[in-house]
Amino acid sequence: MSLIRFPLEEIAGVGIVREREVRRRLDELDWQPYCNQAVLILWLHDRELPLWGYLMASARLSQVAAVVSFGEACSPTVLIQRQRVNME
């Protein structure tokens, strides 16, 4: 199973990040592709996103994904692991 990248840049939007908008985008997101998958939340280097944005995304993913990781694709850090997965 390979890591599926979570589209955090789409959730953050452009310009000033507002909590209400992030919550709305998370509510409207189709979570089916992430069910029982290993998901990677990439750090957004080119955009300002408050810590609460990462926390809200990981909290939502923890309900559906098998593994939630954070960081870079070359060296992800596992945040949540609900089940063991083979990452080959």
N, C-alpha and C. Protein backbone atom coordinates (compact mmCIF):
# COMPACT_ATOMS: atom_id res chain seq x y z
N MET A 1 0.85 -1.17 0.00
CA MET A 1 0.00 0.00 0.00
C MET A 1 0.90 1.24 0.00
N SER A 2 0.63 2.16 -0.89
CA SER A 2 1.41 3.39 -0.95
C SER A 2 0.65 4.52 -0.27
N LEU A 3 1.38 5.58 0.03
CA LEU A 3 0.77 6.73 0.68
C LEU A 3 -0.06 7.53 -0.32
N ILE A 4 -1.26 7.90 0.08
CA ILE A 4 -2.12 8.76 -0.71
C ILE A 4 -1.96 10.17 -0.15
N ARG A 5 -1.68 11.13 -1.02
CA ARG A 5 -1.49 12.50 -0.58
C ARG A 5 -2.83 13.18 -0.33
N PHE A 6 -2.97 13.81 0.82
CA PHE A 6 -4.18 14.53 1.17
C PHE A 6 -4.08 15.95 0.59
N PRO A 7 -5.11 16.44 -0.11
CA PRO A 7 -5.04 17.75 -0.80
C PRO A 7 -5.25 18.93 0.15
N LEU A 8 -4.32 19.12 1.06
CA LEU A 8 -4.46 20.17 2.07
C LEU A 8 -4.46 21.56 1.45
N GLU A 9 -3.74 21.74 0.33
CA GLU A 9 -3.72 23.06 -0.30
C GLU A 9 -5.09 23.47 -0.81
N GLU A 10 -5.92 22.50 -1.19
CA GLU A 10 -7.29 22.80 -1.61
C GLU A 10 -8.16 23.17 -0.41
N ILE A 11 -7.90 22.56 0.70
CA ILE A 11 -8.65 22.84 1.92
C ILE A 11 -8.29 24.24 2.44
N ALA A 12 -6.99 24.59 2.35
CA ALA A 12 -6.53 25.88 2.85
C ALA A 12 -7.03 27.03 1.99
N GLY A 13 -7.18 26.79 0.68
CA GLY A 13 -7.63 27.86 -0.21
C GLY A 13 -6.50 28.86 -0.45
N VAL A 14 -6.88 30.06 -0.88
CA VAL A 14 -5.88 31.10 -1.14
C VAL A 14 -6.21 32.31 -0.26
N GLY A 15 -5.19 33.10 0.00
CA GLY A 15 -5.39 34.29 0.82
C GLY A 15 -5.43 33.96 2.30
N ILE A 16 -6.18 34.74 3.04
CA ILE A 16 -6.29 34.55 4.48
C ILE A 16 -7.10 33.29 4.77
N VAL A 17 -6.56 32.44 5.62
CA VAL A 17 -7.22 31.19 5.97
C VAL A 17 -8.20 31.45 7.10
N ARG A 18 -9.45 31.13 6.86
CA ARG A 18 -10.50 31.33 7.86
C ARG A 18 -11.02 29.97 8.31
N GLU A 19 -11.17 29.83 9.63
CA GLU A 19 -11.59 28.55 10.19
C GLU A 19 -12.92 28.09 9.63
N ARG A 20 -13.85 28.99 9.48
CA ARG A 20 -15.17 28.64 8.95
C ARG A 20 -15.08 28.03 7.56
N GLU A 21 -14.21 28.61 6.71
CA GLU A 21 -14.05 28.09 5.35
C GLU A 21 -13.37 26.73 5.34
N VAL A 22 -12.37 26.55 6.20
CA VAL A 22 -11.68 25.26 6.28
C VAL A 22 -12.66 24.18 6.75
N ARG A 23 -13.45 24.48 7.75
CA ARG A 23 -14.45 23.52 8.23
C ARG A 23 -15.46 23.17 7.14
N ARG A 24 -15.90 24.17 6.38
CA ARG A 24 -16.85 23.93 5.30
C ARG A 24 -16.24 23.04 4.23
N ARG A 25 -15.00 23.31 3.85
CA ARG A 25 -14.33 22.49 2.83
C ARG A 25 -14.13 21.06 3.31
N LEU A 26 -13.79 20.89 4.58
CA LEU A 26 -13.63 19.54 5.13
C LEU A 26 -14.97 18.81 5.15
N ASP A 27 -16.04 19.52 5.46
CA ASP A 27 -17.37 18.90 5.46
C ASP A 27 -17.80 18.47 4.07
N GLU A 28 -17.41 19.22 3.05
CA GLU A 28 -17.80 18.93 1.68
C GLU A 28 -16.90 17.91 0.99
N LEU A 29 -15.77 17.58 1.59
CA LEU A 29 -14.81 16.67 0.96
C LEU A 29 -15.34 15.24 0.91
N ASP A 30 -15.07 14.55 -0.20
CA ASP A 30 -15.41 13.14 -0.33
C ASP A 30 -14.32 12.33 0.38
N TRP A 31 -14.67 11.68 1.47
CA TRP A 31 -13.69 10.95 2.28
C TRP A 31 -13.51 9.51 1.82
N GLN A 32 -14.30 9.04 0.89
CA GLN A 32 -14.26 7.65 0.43
C GLN A 32 -12.86 7.23 -0.08
N PRO A 33 -12.14 8.05 -0.85
CA PRO A 33 -10.82 7.61 -1.33
C PRO A 33 -9.81 7.35 -0.22
N TYR A 34 -10.06 7.86 0.97
CA TYR A 34 -9.11 7.71 2.08
C TYR A 34 -9.47 6.59 3.04
N CYS A 35 -10.61 5.93 2.84
CA CYS A 35 -11.04 4.86 3.73
C CYS A 35 -10.05 3.70 3.72
N ASN A 36 -9.57 3.35 4.90
CA ASN A 36 -8.64 2.24 5.11
C ASN A 36 -7.38 2.34 4.25
N GLN A 37 -6.91 3.56 4.02
CA GLN A 37 -5.70 3.81 3.24
C GLN A 37 -4.66 4.48 4.12
N ALA A 38 -3.42 4.46 3.65
CA ALA A 38 -2.34 5.20 4.30
C ALA A 38 -2.30 6.58 3.65
N VAL A 39 -2.51 7.63 4.44
CA VAL A 39 -2.66 8.98 3.91
C VAL A 39 -1.53 9.88 4.44
N LEU A 40 -1.00 10.71 3.55
CA LEU A 40 0.08 11.63 3.90
C LEU A 40 -0.43 13.07 3.84
N ILE A 41 -0.27 13.80 4.94
CA ILE A 41 -0.56 15.23 4.97
C ILE A 41 0.78 15.93 4.77
N LEU A 42 0.95 16.57 3.61
CA LEU A 42 2.20 17.26 3.32
C LEU A 42 2.24 18.62 4.00
N TRP A 43 3.43 19.01 4.41
CA TRP A 43 3.64 20.35 4.95
C TRP A 43 3.56 21.32 3.79
N LEU A 44 2.77 22.39 3.93
CA LEU A 44 2.64 23.39 2.87
C LEU A 44 3.76 24.43 3.01
N HIS A 45 4.77 24.34 2.16
CA HIS A 45 5.90 25.25 2.23
C HIS A 45 5.57 26.63 1.68
N ASP A 46 4.71 26.67 0.69
CA ASP A 46 4.44 27.92 -0.02
C ASP A 46 3.22 28.67 0.49
N ARG A 47 2.63 28.20 1.56
CA ARG A 47 1.39 28.80 2.06
C ARG A 47 1.37 28.83 3.58
N GLU A 48 0.75 29.84 4.12
CA GLU A 48 0.56 29.92 5.57
C GLU A 48 -0.71 29.17 5.94
N LEU A 49 -0.59 28.20 6.80
CA LEU A 49 -1.75 27.49 7.31
C LEU A 49 -1.57 27.35 8.82
N PRO A 50 -2.50 27.88 9.60
CA PRO A 50 -2.37 27.76 11.05
C PRO A 50 -2.36 26.28 11.48
N LEU A 51 -1.77 26.05 12.63
CA LEU A 51 -1.67 24.70 13.16
C LEU A 51 -3.04 24.03 13.25
N TRP A 52 -4.07 24.78 13.59
CA TRP A 52 -5.40 24.18 13.73
C TRP A 52 -5.89 23.59 12.41
N GLY A 53 -5.40 24.09 11.28
CA GLY A 53 -5.79 23.52 9.98
C GLY A 53 -5.27 22.10 9.82
N TYR A 54 -4.01 21.88 10.19
CA TYR A 54 -3.43 20.54 10.15
C TYR A 54 -4.14 19.62 11.15
N LEU A 55 -4.44 20.16 12.32
CA LEU A 55 -5.10 19.34 13.35
C LEU A 55 -6.50 18.92 12.93
N MET A 56 -7.25 19.85 12.32
CA MET A 56 -8.61 19.50 11.87
C MET A 56 -8.56 18.44 10.78
N ALA A 57 -7.61 18.56 9.85
CA ALA A 57 -7.49 17.57 8.78
C ALA A 57 -7.11 16.20 9.34
N SER A 58 -6.14 16.17 10.25
CA SER A 58 -5.72 14.87 10.80
C SER A 58 -6.81 14.25 11.66
N ALA A 59 -7.59 15.07 12.36
CA ALA A 59 -8.69 14.54 13.17
C ALA A 59 -9.75 13.89 12.29
N ARG A 60 -10.08 14.53 11.18
CA ARG A 60 -11.06 13.95 10.26
C ARG A 60 -10.52 12.69 9.60
N LEU A 61 -9.26 12.72 9.20
CA LEU A 61 -8.66 11.54 8.56
C LEU A 61 -8.56 10.37 9.53
N SER A 62 -8.35 10.65 10.81
CA SER A 62 -8.20 9.57 11.78
C SER A 62 -9.46 8.72 11.89
N GLN A 63 -10.59 9.26 11.47
CA GLN A 63 -11.85 8.52 11.53
C GLN A 63 -12.00 7.54 10.38
N VAL A 64 -11.26 7.74 9.27
CA VAL A 64 -11.46 6.89 8.10
C VAL A 64 -10.20 6.18 7.62
N ALA A 65 -9.04 6.81 7.75
CA ALA A 65 -7.80 6.26 7.20
C ALA A 65 -7.20 5.20 8.13
N ALA A 66 -6.48 4.26 7.53
CA ALA A 66 -5.78 3.25 8.31
C ALA A 66 -4.55 3.86 8.99
N VAL A 67 -3.83 4.72 8.25
CA VAL A 67 -2.64 5.38 8.76
C VAL A 67 -2.67 6.83 8.31
N VAL A 68 -2.36 7.74 9.22
CA VAL A 68 -2.24 9.16 8.88
C VAL A 68 -0.81 9.58 9.20
N SER A 69 -0.11 10.07 8.17
CA SER A 69 1.27 10.52 8.32
C SER A 69 1.37 11.99 7.97
N PHE A 70 2.45 12.61 8.45
CA PHE A 70 2.65 14.04 8.22
C PHE A 70 4.09 14.28 7.82
N GLY A 71 4.32 15.28 7.00
CA GLY A 71 5.69 15.67 6.65
C GLY A 71 5.94 15.62 5.17
N GLU A 72 7.09 15.08 4.81
CA GLU A 72 7.51 14.95 3.43
C GLU A 72 7.36 13.51 2.98
N ALA A 73 7.18 13.32 1.68
CA ALA A 73 6.99 11.96 1.15
C ALA A 73 8.21 11.09 1.38
N CYS A 74 9.40 11.68 1.42
CA CYS A 74 10.62 10.88 1.60
C CYS A 74 10.81 10.40 3.04
N SER A 75 10.21 11.10 4.02
CA SER A 75 10.37 10.69 5.41
C SER A 75 9.15 11.09 6.23
N PRO A 76 8.01 10.43 6.00
CA PRO A 76 6.80 10.79 6.73
C PRO A 76 6.86 10.34 8.19
N THR A 77 6.19 11.10 9.04
CA THR A 77 6.05 10.76 10.45
C THR A 77 4.63 10.28 10.69
N VAL A 78 4.49 9.08 11.23
CA VAL A 78 3.16 8.51 11.48
C VAL A 78 2.54 9.21 12.68
N LEU A 79 1.34 9.76 12.48
CA LEU A 79 0.60 10.41 13.55
C LEU A 79 -0.40 9.46 14.18
N ILE A 80 -1.12 8.73 13.32
CA ILE A 80 -2.19 7.84 13.77
C ILE A 80 -2.10 6.56 12.97
N GLN A 81 -2.18 5.43 13.66
CA GLN A 81 -2.18 4.14 12.97
C GLN A 81 -3.26 3.28 13.58
N ARG A 82 -4.37 3.14 12.84
CA ARG A 82 -5.50 2.35 13.33
C ARG A 82 -5.33 0.87 13.05
N GLN A 83 -4.59 0.55 12.00
CA GLN A 83 -4.34 -0.86 11.68
C GLN A 83 -2.99 -0.98 10.99
N ARG A 84 -2.43 -2.17 11.04
CA ARG A 84 -1.15 -2.42 10.40
C ARG A 84 -1.35 -2.53 8.90
N VAL A 85 -0.47 -1.90 8.14
CA VAL A 85 -0.54 -1.97 6.69
C VAL A 85 0.84 -2.29 6.14
N ASN A 86 0.86 -2.96 5.01
CA ASN A 86 2.10 -3.27 4.32
C ASN A 86 2.37 -2.14 3.34
N MET A 87 3.45 -1.41 3.53
CA MET A 87 3.74 -0.22 2.72
C MET A 87 4.58 -0.54 1.49
N GLU A 88 4.48 -1.72 0.92
CA GLU A 88 5.25 -2.07 -0.28
C GLU A 88 4.52 -1.71 -1.52
